[in-house]
């Protein structure tokens, strides 16, 4: 097994580059930040942090299946997009 690829849950892998470490730190900062509904999570969510769902087995982990949801996007056809198709 390659050395340096495992770390305790919630920690960055030992052989991560400086860029990866910086990205990890930014992600952790965002996940720990409290965001009010007016700040962007919106009415569909009644939580104020990413960790409200992503807390298992440690901060940044997965969420229980009862919190599963599906986000669907679709493109509205307009005259401009109809001509391009």
N, C-alpha and C. Protein backbone atom coordinates (compact mmCIF):
# COMPACT_ATOMS: atom_id res chain seq x y z
N UNK A 1 0.84 -1.17 0.00
CA UNK A 1 0.00 0.00 0.00
C UNK A 1 0.89 1.24 0.00
N UNK A 2 0.51 2.23 -0.77
CA UNK A 2 1.31 3.45 -0.88
C UNK A 2 1.32 4.21 0.44
N UNK A 3 2.49 4.68 0.86
CA UNK A 3 2.56 5.43 2.12
C UNK A 3 1.98 6.84 1.95
N UNK A 4 1.46 7.38 3.04
CA UNK A 4 1.00 8.75 3.05
C UNK A 4 -0.37 9.00 2.48
N UNK A 5 -1.14 7.92 2.22
CA UNK A 5 -2.46 8.14 1.63
C UNK A 5 -3.59 8.09 2.65
N UNK A 6 -3.29 7.68 3.87
CA UNK A 6 -4.33 7.59 4.89
C UNK A 6 -4.08 8.59 6.00
N UNK A 7 -5.16 9.11 6.56
CA UNK A 7 -5.10 10.02 7.70
C UNK A 7 -6.32 9.72 8.56
N UNK A 8 -6.31 10.15 9.79
CA UNK A 8 -7.52 9.98 10.61
C UNK A 8 -8.71 10.65 9.93
N UNK A 9 -9.90 10.13 10.14
CA UNK A 9 -11.09 10.71 9.54
C UNK A 9 -11.19 12.19 9.87
N UNK A 10 -11.45 13.00 8.88
CA UNK A 10 -11.57 14.43 9.05
C UNK A 10 -10.27 15.19 8.86
N UNK A 11 -9.16 14.49 8.71
CA UNK A 11 -7.86 15.14 8.48
C UNK A 11 -7.44 14.95 7.03
N UNK A 12 -6.54 15.80 6.59
CA UNK A 12 -6.04 15.69 5.22
C UNK A 12 -4.97 14.60 5.15
N UNK A 13 -4.86 13.97 3.99
CA UNK A 13 -3.86 12.91 3.86
C UNK A 13 -2.45 13.49 3.96
N UNK A 14 -1.54 12.75 4.58
CA UNK A 14 -0.20 13.28 4.84
C UNK A 14 0.56 13.73 3.60
N UNK A 15 0.37 13.09 2.46
CA UNK A 15 1.17 13.46 1.30
C UNK A 15 0.51 14.52 0.41
N UNK A 16 -0.49 15.21 0.93
CA UNK A 16 -1.17 16.25 0.16
C UNK A 16 -0.19 17.38 -0.16
N UNK A 17 -0.38 17.97 -1.32
CA UNK A 17 0.47 19.10 -1.73
C UNK A 17 0.04 20.35 -0.95
N UNK A 18 0.84 21.40 -1.04
CA UNK A 18 0.48 22.65 -0.37
C UNK A 18 -0.83 23.21 -0.93
N UNK A 19 -1.02 23.09 -2.24
CA UNK A 19 -2.27 23.56 -2.85
C UNK A 19 -3.47 22.76 -2.31
N UNK A 20 -3.31 21.46 -2.19
CA UNK A 20 -4.39 20.62 -1.65
C UNK A 20 -4.66 20.95 -0.19
N UNK A 21 -3.60 21.22 0.57
CA UNK A 21 -3.77 21.59 1.98
C UNK A 21 -4.52 22.91 2.11
N UNK A 22 -4.20 23.87 1.23
CA UNK A 22 -4.89 25.16 1.25
C UNK A 22 -6.37 24.98 0.90
N UNK A 23 -6.65 24.17 -0.11
CA UNK A 23 -8.03 23.89 -0.52
C UNK A 23 -8.80 23.21 0.61
N UNK A 24 -8.17 22.26 1.27
CA UNK A 24 -8.77 21.55 2.40
C UNK A 24 -9.11 22.53 3.52
N UNK A 25 -8.17 23.43 3.82
CA UNK A 25 -8.39 24.42 4.88
C UNK A 25 -9.55 25.35 4.53
N UNK A 26 -9.62 25.79 3.26
CA UNK A 26 -10.74 26.65 2.83
C UNK A 26 -12.07 25.91 2.94
N UNK A 27 -12.08 24.66 2.54
CA UNK A 27 -13.30 23.86 2.63
C UNK A 27 -13.75 23.67 4.06
N UNK A 28 -12.81 23.41 4.93
CA UNK A 28 -13.15 23.24 6.35
C UNK A 28 -13.71 24.55 6.91
N UNK A 29 -13.10 25.67 6.52
CA UNK A 29 -13.58 26.98 6.99
C UNK A 29 -15.02 27.22 6.54
N UNK A 30 -15.31 26.92 5.29
CA UNK A 30 -16.68 27.10 4.77
C UNK A 30 -17.65 26.17 5.50
N UNK A 31 -17.26 24.93 5.71
CA UNK A 31 -18.14 23.96 6.37
C UNK A 31 -18.46 24.36 7.80
N UNK A 32 -17.54 25.00 8.46
CA UNK A 32 -17.74 25.40 9.86
C UNK A 32 -18.46 26.73 10.00
N UNK A 33 -18.56 27.50 8.92
CA UNK A 33 -19.17 28.83 8.96
C UNK A 33 -20.68 28.72 9.12
N UNK A 34 -21.23 29.56 9.95
CA UNK A 34 -22.68 29.63 10.13
C UNK A 34 -23.25 30.55 9.05
N UNK A 35 -24.27 30.08 8.34
CA UNK A 35 -24.88 30.84 7.26
C UNK A 35 -26.37 30.98 7.55
N UNK A 36 -26.83 32.20 7.79
CA UNK A 36 -28.27 32.38 8.02
C UNK A 36 -29.06 32.15 6.74
N UNK A 37 -30.33 31.89 6.87
CA UNK A 37 -31.17 31.66 5.70
C UNK A 37 -31.05 32.82 4.73
N UNK A 38 -31.02 34.04 5.24
CA UNK A 38 -30.92 35.21 4.37
C UNK A 38 -29.56 35.29 3.68
N UNK A 39 -28.59 34.50 4.13
CA UNK A 39 -27.25 34.55 3.56
C UNK A 39 -27.02 33.56 2.44
N UNK A 40 -28.01 32.75 2.09
CA UNK A 40 -27.80 31.91 0.93
C UNK A 40 -28.32 30.50 0.99
N UNK A 41 -28.57 29.94 2.17
CA UNK A 41 -29.09 28.58 2.18
C UNK A 41 -30.54 28.54 1.74
N UNK A 42 -31.27 29.59 1.99
CA UNK A 42 -32.63 29.69 1.49
C UNK A 42 -33.65 28.89 2.27
N UNK A 43 -34.91 29.10 2.00
CA UNK A 43 -35.99 28.44 2.72
C UNK A 43 -36.01 26.92 2.65
N UNK A 44 -35.48 26.28 1.57
CA UNK A 44 -35.53 24.81 1.55
C UNK A 44 -34.72 24.15 2.67
N UNK A 45 -33.77 24.87 3.24
CA UNK A 45 -32.92 24.29 4.27
C UNK A 45 -33.22 24.94 5.60
N UNK A 46 -33.36 24.14 6.65
CA UNK A 46 -33.60 24.72 7.96
C UNK A 46 -32.37 24.59 8.84
N UNK A 47 -31.22 24.46 8.25
CA UNK A 47 -29.96 24.38 8.97
C UNK A 47 -29.13 25.61 8.64
N UNK A 48 -28.16 25.91 9.48
CA UNK A 48 -27.35 27.10 9.25
C UNK A 48 -25.89 26.79 9.01
N UNK A 49 -25.51 25.52 8.99
CA UNK A 49 -24.13 25.14 8.67
C UNK A 49 -24.14 23.88 7.84
N UNK A 50 -23.07 23.66 7.10
CA UNK A 50 -22.91 22.42 6.34
C UNK A 50 -22.89 21.22 7.29
N UNK A 51 -22.34 21.44 8.49
CA UNK A 51 -22.20 20.34 9.44
C UNK A 51 -23.52 19.85 10.00
N UNK A 52 -24.59 20.59 9.77
CA UNK A 52 -25.89 20.11 10.22
C UNK A 52 -26.23 18.78 9.53
N UNK A 53 -25.73 18.60 8.32
CA UNK A 53 -25.94 17.33 7.60
C UNK A 53 -24.65 16.52 7.48
N UNK A 54 -23.55 17.20 7.23
CA UNK A 54 -22.29 16.51 6.95
C UNK A 54 -21.46 16.36 8.21
N UNK A 55 -21.94 15.51 9.12
CA UNK A 55 -21.27 15.38 10.41
C UNK A 55 -20.89 13.95 10.77
N UNK A 56 -21.17 12.99 9.90
CA UNK A 56 -20.92 11.60 10.25
C UNK A 56 -19.88 10.98 9.36
N UNK A 57 -18.90 10.33 9.84
CA UNK A 57 -18.59 10.08 11.25
C UNK A 57 -17.87 11.23 11.93
N UNK A 58 -17.39 12.21 11.14
CA UNK A 58 -16.74 13.41 11.67
C UNK A 58 -17.16 14.59 10.82
N UNK A 59 -16.80 15.79 11.23
CA UNK A 59 -17.12 16.99 10.45
C UNK A 59 -16.63 16.82 9.01
N UNK A 60 -17.52 17.08 8.07
CA UNK A 60 -17.19 16.94 6.66
C UNK A 60 -17.59 15.60 6.07
N UNK A 61 -18.09 14.71 6.90
CA UNK A 61 -18.48 13.38 6.43
C UNK A 61 -19.83 13.38 5.76
N UNK A 62 -20.42 12.22 5.68
CA UNK A 62 -21.71 12.08 5.02
C UNK A 62 -22.86 12.42 5.93
N UNK A 63 -24.04 12.21 5.46
CA UNK A 63 -25.25 12.47 6.23
C UNK A 63 -26.09 11.20 6.24
N UNK A 64 -26.97 11.12 7.20
CA UNK A 64 -27.87 9.97 7.27
C UNK A 64 -28.79 9.97 6.06
N UNK A 65 -29.26 8.81 5.65
CA UNK A 65 -30.08 8.70 4.44
C UNK A 65 -31.39 9.48 4.53
N UNK A 66 -31.90 9.73 5.73
CA UNK A 66 -33.15 10.47 5.81
C UNK A 66 -32.98 11.91 5.32
N UNK A 67 -31.73 12.35 5.15
CA UNK A 67 -31.49 13.70 4.64
C UNK A 67 -31.20 13.70 3.14
N UNK A 68 -31.31 12.57 2.49
CA UNK A 68 -31.06 12.52 1.06
C UNK A 68 -32.10 13.35 0.31
N UNK A 69 -31.67 14.04 -0.70
CA UNK A 69 -32.59 14.79 -1.54
C UNK A 69 -32.00 14.86 -2.93
N UNK A 70 -32.79 15.24 -3.88
CA UNK A 70 -32.39 15.31 -5.28
C UNK A 70 -32.54 16.73 -5.77
N UNK A 71 -31.50 17.24 -6.38
CA UNK A 71 -31.58 18.56 -7.00
C UNK A 71 -31.63 18.34 -8.50
N UNK A 72 -32.64 18.90 -9.13
CA UNK A 72 -32.83 18.72 -10.56
C UNK A 72 -32.73 20.09 -11.23
N UNK A 73 -32.00 20.14 -12.31
CA UNK A 73 -31.90 21.38 -13.08
C UNK A 73 -32.45 21.12 -14.48
N UNK A 74 -33.00 22.13 -15.06
CA UNK A 74 -33.48 22.00 -16.44
C UNK A 74 -33.26 23.33 -17.14
N UNK A 75 -33.21 23.27 -18.44
CA UNK A 75 -32.98 24.46 -19.26
C UNK A 75 -34.32 24.91 -19.83
N UNK A 76 -34.60 26.17 -19.67
CA UNK A 76 -35.82 26.74 -20.24
C UNK A 76 -35.53 27.08 -21.69
N UNK A 77 -36.33 26.56 -22.57
CA UNK A 77 -36.13 26.82 -24.00
C UNK A 77 -36.68 28.20 -24.33
N UNK A 78 -35.85 28.97 -24.96
CA UNK A 78 -36.25 30.29 -25.44
C UNK A 78 -36.04 30.32 -26.94
N UNK A 79 -36.43 31.39 -27.57
CA UNK A 79 -36.21 31.52 -29.01
C UNK A 79 -34.72 31.40 -29.34
N UNK A 80 -33.88 31.98 -28.52
CA UNK A 80 -32.44 31.94 -28.77
C UNK A 80 -31.88 30.53 -28.64
N UNK A 81 -32.31 29.78 -27.62
CA UNK A 81 -31.76 28.43 -27.46
C UNK A 81 -32.39 27.48 -28.46
N UNK A 82 -33.62 27.74 -28.91
CA UNK A 82 -34.25 26.87 -29.90
C UNK A 82 -33.53 26.96 -31.23
N UNK A 83 -33.07 28.15 -31.61
CA UNK A 83 -32.33 28.31 -32.87
C UNK A 83 -30.98 27.60 -32.81
N UNK A 84 -30.37 27.56 -31.62
CA UNK A 84 -29.03 26.95 -31.48
C UNK A 84 -29.12 25.43 -31.53
N UNK A 85 -30.28 24.87 -31.23
CA UNK A 85 -30.41 23.41 -31.15
C UNK A 85 -30.49 22.74 -32.47
